[in-house]
PDB file of N, CA and C in Angstrom:
ATOM      1  N   MET A   1     108.592  93.532  91.859  1.00  0.00           N
ATOM      2  CA  MET A   1     109.538  94.230  91.378  1.00  0.00           C
ATOM      3  C   MET A   1     110.494  93.343  90.610  1.00  0.00           C
ATOM      4  N   PHE A   2     110.940  94.122  89.315  1.00  0.00           N
ATOM      5  CA  PHE A   2     111.890  93.606  88.514  1.00  0.00           C
ATOM      6  C   PHE A   2     113.231  93.558  88.895  1.00  0.00           C
ATOM      7  N   ASN A   3     114.032  92.830  88.673  1.00  0.00           N
ATOM      8  CA  ASN A   3     115.370  92.898  88.779  1.00  0.00           C
ATOM      9  C   ASN A   3     116.015  93.049  87.448  1.00  0.00           C
ATOM     10  N   THR A   4     116.625  94.080  87.043  1.00  0.00           N
ATOM     11  CA  THR A   4     117.314  94.148  85.663  1.00  0.00           C
ATOM     12  C   THR A   4     118.653  92.993  85.510  1.00  0.00           C
ATOM     13  N   ALA A   5     119.015  93.054  86.558  1.00  0.00           N
ATOM     14  CA  ALA A   5     120.565  92.285  86.504  1.00  0.00           C
ATOM     15  C   ALA A   5     120.408  90.666  86.307  1.00  0.00           C
ATOM     16  N   THR A   6     119.324  90.309  87.136  1.00  0.00           N
ATOM     17  CA  THR A   6     118.872  88.778  87.010  1.00  0.00           C
ATOM     18  C   THR A   6     117.810  88.578  86.286  1.00  0.00           C
ATOM     19  N   LEU A   7     116.888  89.381  85.764  1.00  0.00           N
ATOM     20  CA  LEU A   7     116.014  89.372  84.862  1.00  0.00           C
ATOM     21  C   LEU A   7     114.948  88.622  85.726  1.00  0.00           C
ATOM     22  N   LYS A   8     114.738  88.704  86.954  1.00  0.00           N
ATOM     23  CA  LYS A   8     113.563  87.981  87.549  1.00  0.00           C
ATOM     24  C   LYS A   8     112.557  89.193  88.244  1.00  0.00           C
ATOM     25  N   TRP A   9     111.633  88.493  88.540  1.00  0.00           N
ATOM     26  CA  TRP A   9     110.405  89.172  89.375  1.00  0.00           C
ATOM     27  C   TRP A   9     110.233  88.659  90.679  1.00  0.00           C
ATOM     28  N   THR A  10     109.917  89.802  91.827  1.00  0.00           N
ATOM     29  CA  THR A  10     110.079  89.342  93.021  1.00  0.00           C
ATOM     30  C   THR A  10     108.759  90.067  93.543  1.00  0.00           C
ATOM     31  N   GLU A  11     107.826  89.212  94.049  1.00  0.00           N
ATOM     32  CA  GLU A  11     106.605  89.540  94.602  1.00  0.00           C
ATOM     33  C   GLU A  11     107.007  90.129  96.241  1.00  0.00           C
ATOM     34  N   LEU A  12     106.512  91.602  96.120  1.00  0.00           N
ATOM     35  CA  LEU A  12     106.977  92.325  97.483  1.00  0.00           C
ATOM     36  C   LEU A  12     105.923  92.192  98.520  1.00  0.00           C
ATOM     37  N   ALA A  13     104.889  91.934  98.033  1.00  0.00           N
ATOM     38  CA  ALA A  13     103.582  92.080  99.012  1.00  0.00           C
ATOM     39  C   ALA A  13     102.183  91.522  98.406  1.00  0.00           C
ATOM     40  N   LYS A  14     101.404  90.753  98.928  1.00  0.00           N
ATOM     41  CA  LYS A  14      99.794  90.372  98.581  1.00  0.00           C
ATOM     42  C   LYS A  14      99.173  91.465  99.107  1.00  0.00           C
ATOM     43  N   THR A  15      98.959  92.730  98.706  1.00  0.00           N
ATOM     44  CA  THR A  15      97.910  93.805  99.046  1.00  0.00           C
ATOM     45  C   THR A  15      97.587  94.676  98.271  1.00  0.00           C
ATOM     46  N   VAL A  16      96.675  95.587  98.281  1.00  0.00           N
ATOM     47  CA  VAL A  16      96.484  96.773  97.379  1.00  0.00           C
ATOM     48  C   VAL A  16      97.624  97.504  97.554  1.00  0.00           C
ATOM     49  N   MET A  17      97.993  98.086  96.371  1.00  0.00           N
ATOM     50  CA  MET A  17      99.311  99.159  96.636  1.00  0.00           C
ATOM     51  C   MET A  17      98.852 100.253  95.841  1.00  0.00           C
ATOM     52  N   ASN A  18      99.001 101.270  96.344  1.00  0.00           N
ATOM     53  CA  ASN A  18      98.681 102.780  96.001  1.00  0.00           C
ATOM     54  C   ASN A  18      99.760 103.710  96.163  1.00  0.00           C
ATOM     55  N   SER A  19     100.127 104.353  95.063  1.00  0.00           N
ATOM     56  CA  SER A  19     101.216 105.484  95.600  1.00  0.00           C
ATOM     57  C   SER A  19     102.611 105.267  95.930  1.00  0.00           C
ATOM     58  N   VAL A  20     103.194 104.094  95.035  1.00  0.00           N
ATOM     59  CA  VAL A  20     104.467 103.526  95.360  1.00  0.00           C
ATOM     60  C   VAL A  20     105.410 104.564  95.292  1.00  0.00           C
ATOM     61  N   ALA A  21     105.972 104.620  96.452  1.00  0.00           N
ATOM     62  CA  ALA A  21     107.441 105.602  96.464  1.00  0.00           C
ATOM     63  C   ALA A  21     108.744 104.993  97.123  1.00  0.00           C
ATOM     64  N   TRP A  22     109.872 105.226  96.366  1.00  0.00           N
ATOM     65  CA  TRP A  22     111.107 104.508  97.094  1.00  0.00           C
ATOM     66  C   TRP A  22     111.674 105.635  98.057  1.00  0.00           C
ATOM     67  N   SER A  23     112.372 104.850  99.206  1.00  0.00           N
ATOM     68  CA  SER A  23     112.796 105.378 100.059  1.00  0.00           C
ATOM     69  C   SER A  23     114.072 106.409  99.487  1.00  0.00           C
ATOM     70  N   GLY A  24     114.597 107.296 100.332  1.00  0.00           N
ATOM     71  CA  GLY A  24     115.678 108.159 100.131  1.00  0.00           C
ATOM     72  C   GLY A  24     116.927 107.124  99.691  1.00  0.00           C
ATOM     73  N   ASP A  25     117.116 106.019 100.508  1.00  0.00           N
ATOM     74  CA  ASP A  25     118.336 105.164 100.546  1.00  0.00           C
ATOM     75  C   ASP A  25     118.120 104.046  99.613  1.00  0.00           C
ATOM     76  N   SER A  26     117.093 103.997  99.098  1.00  0.00           N
ATOM     77  CA  SER A  26     116.598 102.914  97.993  1.00  0.00           C
ATOM     78  C   SER A  26     116.338 101.602  98.692  1.00  0.00           C
ATOM     79  N   ARG A  27     116.346 101.597 100.153  1.00  0.00           N
ATOM     80  CA  ARG A  27     116.387 100.173 100.989  1.00  0.00           C
ATOM     81  C   ARG A  27     114.750  99.790 100.884  1.00  0.00           C
ATOM     82  N   HIS A  28     113.826 100.605 101.011  1.00  0.00           N
ATOM     83  CA  HIS A  28     112.450 100.414 101.180  1.00  0.00           C
ATOM     84  C   HIS A  28     111.570 101.057  99.979  1.00  0.00           C
ATOM     85  N   ILE A  29     110.500 100.304  99.653  1.00  0.00           N
ATOM     86  CA  ILE A  29     109.375 100.872  99.030  1.00  0.00           C
ATOM     87  C   ILE A  29     108.027 101.306 100.012  1.00  0.00           C
ATOM     88  N   TYR A  30     107.595 102.344  99.946  1.00  0.00           N
ATOM     89  CA  TYR A  30     106.352 102.807 100.660  1.00  0.00           C
ATOM     90  C   TYR A  30     105.221 103.040  99.954  1.00  0.00           C
ATOM     91  N   PHE A  31     104.214 102.714 100.326  1.00  0.00           N
ATOM     92  CA  PHE A  31     102.895 102.450  99.629  1.00  0.00           C
ATOM     93  C   PHE A  31     101.780 102.808 100.447  1.00  0.00           C
ATOM     94  N   ASP A  32     100.562 103.118  99.991  1.00  0.00           N
ATOM     95  CA  ASP A  32      99.466 103.058 101.001  1.00  0.00           C
ATOM     96  C   ASP A  32      98.288 101.926 100.254  1.00  0.00           C
ATOM     97  N   THR A  33      97.611 101.448 101.232  1.00  0.00           N
ATOM     98  CA  THR A  33      96.460 100.821 100.774  1.00  0.00           C
ATOM     99  C   THR A  33      95.024 101.221 100.487  1.00  0.00           C
ATOM    100  N   TYR A  34      95.030 102.311 100.128  1.00  0.00           N
ATOM    101  CA  TYR A  34      93.843 103.006  99.954  1.00  0.00           C
ATOM    102  C   TYR A  34      93.405 102.377  98.460  1.00  0.00           C
ATOM    103  N   PRO A  35      91.965 101.886  98.330  1.00  0.00           N
ATOM    104  CA  PRO A  35      90.968 102.380  98.955  1.00  0.00           C
ATOM    105  C   PRO A  35      90.487 101.274  99.931  1.00  0.00           C
ATOM    106  N   SER A  36      91.405 100.263 100.533  1.00  0.00           N
ATOM    107  CA  SER A  36      90.995  99.339 101.502  1.00  0.00           C
ATOM    108  C   SER A  36      90.173  99.761 102.525  1.00  0.00           C
ATOM    109  N   ARG A  37      89.221  98.712 103.036  1.00  0.00           N
ATOM    110  CA  ARG A  37      88.843  99.181 104.457  1.00  0.00           C
ATOM    111  C   ARG A  37      89.728  99.488 105.370  1.00  0.00           C
ATOM    112  N   GLU A  38      90.869  98.954 105.658  1.00  0.00           N
ATOM    113  CA  GLU A  38      91.804  99.343 106.599  1.00  0.00           C
ATOM    114  C   GLU A  38      92.977 100.290 106.003  1.00  0.00           C
ATOM    115  N   ALA A  39      92.685 100.947 105.481  1.00  0.00           N
ATOM    116  CA  ALA A  39      93.700 101.823 104.624  1.00  0.00           C
ATOM    117  C   ALA A  39      94.987 102.446 105.781  1.00  0.00           C
ATOM    118  N   ALA A  40      96.001 102.296 105.365  1.00  0.00           N
ATOM    119  CA  ALA A  40      97.175 102.520 106.217  1.00  0.00           C
ATOM    120  C   ALA A  40      98.502 102.847 105.130  1.00  0.00           C
ATOM    121  N   VAL A  41      99.585 103.382 105.566  1.00  0.00           N
ATOM    122  CA  VAL A  41     100.778 103.640 105.013  1.00  0.00           C
ATOM    123  C   VAL A  41     101.811 102.318 105.297  1.00  0.00           C
ATOM    124  N   PHE A  42     102.409 101.800 104.348  1.00  0.00           N
ATOM    125  CA  PHE A  42     103.283 100.536 104.616  1.00  0.00           C
ATOM    126  C   PHE A  42     104.476 100.964 104.090  1.00  0.00           C
ATOM    127  N   ARG A  43     105.555 100.108 104.269  1.00  0.00           N
ATOM    128  CA  ARG A  43     106.812  99.856 103.619  1.00  0.00           C
ATOM    129  C   ARG A  43     107.494  98.323 103.622  1.00  0.00           C
ATOM    130  N   VAL A  44     108.046  98.266 102.634  1.00  0.00           N
ATOM    131  CA  VAL A  44     108.587  96.705 102.549  1.00  0.00           C
ATOM    132  C   VAL A  44     109.863  96.978 102.327  1.00  0.00           C
ATOM    133  N   ARG A  45     110.836  96.234 102.921  1.00  0.00           N
ATOM    134  CA  ARG A  45     112.130  96.257 102.969  1.00  0.00           C
ATOM    135  C   ARG A  45     112.542  95.459 101.633  1.00  0.00           C
ATOM    136  N   ILE A  46     113.486  95.904 100.755  1.00  0.00           N
ATOM    137  CA  ILE A  46     113.692  95.332  99.640  1.00  0.00           C
ATOM    138  C   ILE A  46     114.773  93.829  99.581  1.00  0.00           C
ATOM    139  N   SER A  47     115.464  93.952 100.554  1.00  0.00           N
ATOM    140  CA  SER A  47     116.520  93.125 101.018  1.00  0.00           C
ATOM    141  C   SER A  47     115.920  91.613 101.219  1.00  0.00           C
ATOM    142  N   ASP A  48     114.829  91.712 102.242  1.00  0.00           N
ATOM    143  CA  ASP A  48     113.990  90.592 102.446  1.00  0.00           C
ATOM    144  C   ASP A  48     112.450  90.679 102.739  1.00  0.00           C
ATOM    145  N   GLN A  49     112.095  91.438 101.881  1.00  0.00           N
ATOM    146  CA  GLN A  49     110.378  91.709 101.723  1.00  0.00           C
ATOM    147  C   GLN A  49     109.804  91.692 103.048  1.00  0.00           C
ATOM    148  N   LYS A  50     110.320  92.231 104.028  1.00  0.00           N
ATOM    149  CA  LYS A  50     109.591  92.677 105.181  1.00  0.00           C
ATOM    150  C   LYS A  50     108.687  93.672 105.018  1.00  0.00           C
ATOM    151  N   LEU A  51     107.461  93.360 105.586  1.00  0.00           N
ATOM    152  CA  LEU A  51     106.345  94.376 105.311  1.00  0.00           C
ATOM    153  C   LEU A  51     106.147  95.195 106.713  1.00  0.00           C
ATOM    154  N   GLU A  52     105.899  96.006 106.959  1.00  0.00           N
ATOM    155  CA  GLU A  52     105.865  97.008 108.193  1.00  0.00           C
ATOM    156  C   GLU A  52     104.701  98.135 107.946  1.00  0.00           C
ATOM    157  N   ARG A  53     103.890  98.088 108.906  1.00  0.00           N
ATOM    158  CA  ARG A  53     102.802  99.211 108.919  1.00  0.00           C
ATOM    159  C   ARG A  53     103.598 100.431 109.588  1.00  0.00           C
ATOM    160  N   VAL A  54     103.223 101.463 108.527  1.00  0.00           N
ATOM    161  CA  VAL A  54     103.961 103.076 109.097  1.00  0.00           C
ATOM    162  C   VAL A  54     103.062 103.764 110.261  1.00  0.00           C
ATOM    163  N   THR A  55     101.928 103.855 109.188  1.00  0.00           N
ATOM    164  CA  THR A  55     100.727 104.401 110.293  1.00  0.00           C
ATOM    165  C   THR A  55      99.267 103.897 109.543  1.00  0.00           C
ATOM    166  N   SER A  56      98.368 104.032 110.373  1.00  0.00           N
ATOM    167  CA  SER A  56      96.966 103.877 110.018  1.00  0.00           C
ATOM    168  C   SER A  56      96.610 105.212 109.273  1.00  0.00           C
ATOM    169  N   LEU A  57      95.702 104.865 108.331  1.00  0.00           N
ATOM    170  CA  LEU A  57      94.529 105.814 107.693  1.00  0.00           C
ATOM    171  C   LEU A  57      93.142 105.889 108.283  1.00  0.00           C
ATOM    172  N   LYS A  58      93.063 105.023 109.182  1.00  0.00           N
ATOM    173  CA  LYS A  58      91.861 104.766 109.693  1.00  0.00           C
ATOM    174  C   LYS A  58      90.769 106.013 109.845  1.00  0.00           C
ATOM    175  N   ASP A  59      91.426 107.362 110.521  1.00  0.00           N
ATOM    176  CA  ASP A  59      90.013 108.228 110.662  1.00  0.00           C
ATOM    177  C   ASP A  59      91.061 109.485 109.872  1.00  0.00           C
ATOM    178  N   PHE A  60      91.754 109.211 108.990  1.00  0.00           N
ATOM    179  CA  PHE A  60      92.211 110.335 108.086  1.00  0.00           C
ATOM    180  C   PHE A  60      91.352 110.589 107.265  1.00  0.00           C
ATOM    181  N   ARG A  61      90.776 111.863 106.892  1.00  0.00           N
ATOM    182  CA  ARG A  61      89.936 112.270 106.088  1.00  0.00           C
ATOM    183  C   ARG A  61      90.760 112.695 104.945  1.00  0.00           C
ATOM    184  N   ARG A  62      90.803 111.968 103.897  1.00  0.00           N
ATOM    185  CA  ARG A  62      91.802 112.182 102.918  1.00  0.00           C
ATOM    186  C   ARG A  62      91.061 113.036 101.682  1.00  0.00           C
ATOM    187  N   ALA A  63      91.860 113.944 101.162  1.00  0.00           N
ATOM    188  CA  ALA A  63      91.276 114.511  99.921  1.00  0.00           C
ATOM    189  C   ALA A  63      91.157 113.472  98.661  1.00  0.00           C
ATOM    190  N   GLU A  64      90.174 113.493  98.181  1.00  0.00           N
ATOM    191  CA  GLU A  64      89.956 112.783  96.971  1.00  0.00           C
ATOM    192  C   GLU A  64      90.398 113.686  95.678  1.00  0.00           C
ATOM    193  N   SER A  65      90.884 112.646  94.947  1.00  0.00           N
ATOM    194  CA  SER A  65      91.478 113.561  93.720  1.00  0.00           C
ATOM    195  C   SER A  65      90.327 113.303  92.586  1.00  0.00           C
ATOM    196  N   THR A  66      90.455 114.356  91.635  1.00  0.00           N
ATOM    197  CA  THR A  66      89.553 114.383  90.623  1.00  0.00           C
ATOM    198  C   THR A  66      89.861 113.638  89.255  1.00  0.00           C
ATOM    199  N   GLY A  67      88.975 112.957  88.669  1.00  0.00           N
ATOM    200  CA  GLY A  67      89.366 112.439  87.469  1.00  0.00           C
ATOM    201  C   GLY A  67      89.644 110.840  87.567  1.00  0.00           C
ATOM    202  N   TRP A  68      90.512 110.266  87.033  1.00  0.00           N
ATOM    203  CA  TRP A  68      90.572 108.756  87.100  1.00  0.00           C
ATOM    204  C   TRP A  68      92.002 108.619  87.891  1.00  0.00           C
ATOM    205  N   LEU A  69      92.685 109.509  88.583  1.00  0.00           N
ATOM    206  CA  LEU A  69      93.958 109.366  89.547  1.00  0.00           C
ATOM    207  C   LEU A  69      93.359 109.015  90.923  1.00  0.00           C
ATOM    208  N   TRP A  70      94.167 108.000  91.669  1.00  0.00           N
ATOM    209  CA  TRP A  70      93.868 107.950  93.017  1.00  0.00           C
ATOM    210  C   TRP A  70      94.197 108.981  93.899  1.00  0.00           C
ATOM    211  N   PRO A  71      93.781 109.244  95.269  1.00  0.00           N
ATOM    212  CA  PRO A  71      94.674 110.249  95.964  1.00  0.00           C
ATOM    213  C   PRO A  71      96.185 109.988  96.111  1.00  0.00           C
ATOM    214  N   TRP A  72      96.724 110.817  96.239  1.00  0.00           N
ATOM    215  CA  TRP A  72      98.330 110.910  95.955  1.00  0.00           C
ATOM    216  C   TRP A  72      99.026 110.886  97.410  1.00  0.00           C
ATOM    217  N   MET A  73     100.190 110.039  97.476  1.00  0.00           N
ATOM    218  CA  MET A  73     100.694 109.845  98.721  1.00  0.00           C
ATOM    219  C   MET A  73     102.585 110.000  98.200  1.00  0.00           C
ATOM    220  N   GLY A  74     103.388 110.589  98.828  1.00  0.00           N
ATOM    221  CA  GLY A  74     104.783 110.899  98.564  1.00  0.00           C
ATOM    222  C   GLY A  74     105.548 110.664  99.803  1.00  0.00           C
ATOM    223  N   LEU A  75     106.823 111.091  99.977  1.00  0.00           N
ATOM    224  CA  LEU A  75     107.642 110.951 100.816  1.00  0.00           C
ATOM    225  C   LEU A  75     108.488 112.325 101.191  1.00  0.00           C
ATOM    226  N   ALA A  76     108.511 112.913 102.303  1.00  0.00           N
ATOM    227  CA  ALA A  76     109.528 113.896 102.640  1.00  0.00           C
ATOM    228  C   ALA A  76     110.657 113.465 102.451  1.00  0.00           C
ATOM    229  N   PRO A  77     111.994 114.574 102.708  1.00  0.00           N
ATOM    230  CA  PRO A  77     113.263 114.023 102.273  1.00  0.00           C
ATOM    231  C   PRO A  77     113.590 112.907 103.594  1.00  0.00           C
ATOM    232  N   ASP A  78     112.968 113.144 104.752  1.00  0.00           N
ATOM    233  CA  ASP A  78     113.252 112.133 105.742  1.00  0.00           C
ATOM    234  C   ASP A  78     112.380 110.831 105.571  1.00  0.00           C
ATOM    235  N   ASP A  79     111.812 110.637 104.671  1.00  0.00           N
ATOM    236  CA  ASP A  79     110.690 109.439 104.307  1.00  0.00           C
ATOM    237  C   ASP A  79     109.577 109.292 105.119  1.00  0.00           C
ATOM    238  N   SER A  80     109.479 110.475 105.730  1.00  0.00           N
ATOM    239  CA  SER A  80     107.981 110.674 106.531  1.00  0.00           C
ATOM    240  C   SER A  80     106.861 110.522 105.277  1.00  0.00           C
ATOM    241  N   PRO A  81     105.673 109.952 105.557  1.00  0.00           N
ATOM    242  CA  PRO A  81     104.759 110.030 104.449  1.00  0.00           C
ATOM    243  C   PRO A  81     104.096 111.307 104.541  1.00  0.00           C
ATOM    244  N   LEU A  82     103.480 111.782 103.082  1.00  0.00           N
ATOM    245  CA  LEU A  82     102.962 112.984 102.787  1.00  0.00           C
ATOM    246  C   LEU A  82     101.775 112.630 102.081  1.00  0.00           C
ATOM    247  N   LEU A  83     100.599 113.057 102.664  1.00  0.00           N
ATOM    248  CA  LEU A  83      99.276 113.008 102.272  1.00  0.00           C
ATOM    249  C   LEU A  83      98.410 114.104 102.319  1.00  0.00           C
ATOM    250  N   VAL A  84      97.383 114.097 101.030  1.00  0.00           N
ATOM    251  CA  VAL A  84      96.384 115.479 101.131  1.00  0.00           C
ATOM    252  C   VAL A  84      95.430 115.247 101.850  1.00  0.00           C
ATOM    253  N   ARG A  85      95.059 116.179 102.824  1.00  0.00           N
ATOM    254  CA  ARG A  85      94.063 115.915 103.747  1.00  0.00           C
ATOM    255  C   ARG A  85      93.159 116.892 103.517  1.00  0.00           C
ATOM    256  N   ASP A  86      91.544 116.399 103.556  1.00  0.00           N
ATOM    257  CA  ASP A  86      90.625 117.174 103.409  1.00  0.00           C
ATOM    258  C   ASP A  86      90.089 117.969 104.598  1.00  0.00           C
ATOM    259  N   ILE A  87      90.281 119.368 104.678  1.00  0.00           N
ATOM    260  CA  ILE A  87      89.632 120.052 105.905  1.00  0.00           C
ATOM    261  C   ILE A  87      88.642 121.095 105.514  1.00  0.00           C
ATOM    262  N   GLY A  88      88.324 120.806 104.174  1.00  0.00           N
ATOM    263  CA  GLY A  88      87.276 121.823 103.879  1.00  0.00           C
ATOM    264  C   GLY A  88      86.191 121.506 104.005  1.00  0.00           C
ATOM    265  N   SER A  89      85.016 122.326 103.626  1.00  0.00           N
ATOM    266  CA  SER A  89      83.671 121.820 103.574  1.00  0.00           C
ATOM    267  C   SER A  89      82.872 122.289 102.151  1.00  0.00           C
ATOM    268  N   GLN A  90      81.873 121.374 102.144  1.00  0.00           N
ATOM    269  CA  GLN A  90      81.286 121.859 100.712  1.00  0.00           C
ATOM    270  C   GLN A  90      79.704 122.231 101.028  1.00  0.00           C
ATOM    271  N   GLU A  91      79.493 123.403 100.631  1.00  0.00           N
ATOM    272  CA  GLU A  91      77.979 124.061 100.971  1.00  0.00           C
ATOM    273  C   GLU A  91      77.674 124.431  99.643  1.00  0.00           C
ATOM    274  N   ILE A  92      76.272 124.591  99.632  1.00  0.00           N
ATOM    275  CA  ILE A  92      75.570 124.617  98.283  1.00  0.00           C
ATOM    276  C   ILE A  92      74.709 125.972  98.574  1.00  0.00           C
ATOM    277  N   TYR A  93      74.953 127.106  97.704  1.00  0.00           N
ATOM    278  CA  TYR A  93      74.068 128.294  97.867  1.00  0.00           C
ATOM    279  C   TYR A  93      73.237 128.303  96.859  1.00  0.00           C
ATOM    280  N   ALA A  94      72.189 129.187  97.122  1.00  0.00           N
ATOM    281  CA  ALA A  94      71.188 129.688  95.833  1.00  0.00           C
ATOM    282  C   ALA A  94      71.153 131.126  95.773  1.00  0.00           C
ATOM    283  N   LEU A  95      71.237 131.747  94.540  1.00  0.00           N
ATOM    284  CA  LEU A  95      71.364 133.081  94.564  1.00  0.00           C
ATOM    285  C   LEU A  95      70.132 133.692  93.779  1.00  0.00           C
ATOM    286  N   ASP A  96      69.589 134.568  93.777  1.00  0.00           N
ATOM    287  CA  ASP A  96      68.605 135.082  92.820  1.00  0.00           C
ATOM    288  C   ASP A  96      69.151 136.627  92.598  1.00  0.00           C
ATOM    289  N   TRP A  97      69.479 136.597  90.828  1.00  0.00           N
ATOM    290  CA  TRP A  97      69.884 138.002  90.581  1.00  0.00           C
ATOM    291  C   TRP A  97      68.801 138.502  89.564  1.00  0.00           C
ATOM    292  N   GLU A  98      68.398 139.828  89.791  1.00  0.00           N
ATOM    293  CA  GLU A  98      67.841 140.463  88.646  1.00  0.00           C
ATOM    294  C   GLU A  98      68.844 141.448  88.183  1.00  0.00           C
ATOM    295  N   ALA A  99      68.752 141.702  86.843  1.00  0.00           N
ATOM    296  CA  ALA A  99      69.493 142.508  86.009  1.00  0.00           C
ATOM    297  C   ALA A  99      68.807 143.893  85.999  1.00  0.00           C
ATOM    298  N   PRO A 100      69.462 144.954  86.186  1.00  0.00           N
ATOM    299  CA  PRO A 100      68.916 146.132  86.067  1.00  0.00           C
ATOM    300  C   PRO A 100      68.164 146.511  85.058  1.00  0.00           C
TER     301      PRO A 100
END
């Protein structure tokens, strides 16, 4: 994180960080660790860089995005994580059509 007042960088965490989001009070930064093996949502406190696991995404069936973007994560007004869950199925059908 870059502090524009002191012009200095601070390392917040040594991990994969995806979908970075500021908390409503600007005291924490939330992120997820997708696509790591032990994906989870974390938050880091800005004042002392304390890292906390908010929730595991171990068995969470996450909707994959299309294109070059990673799956999205955001925050609700109360700072609870919002993620897109895949609850659909994909099926292949074959149709034979004869024009009249």
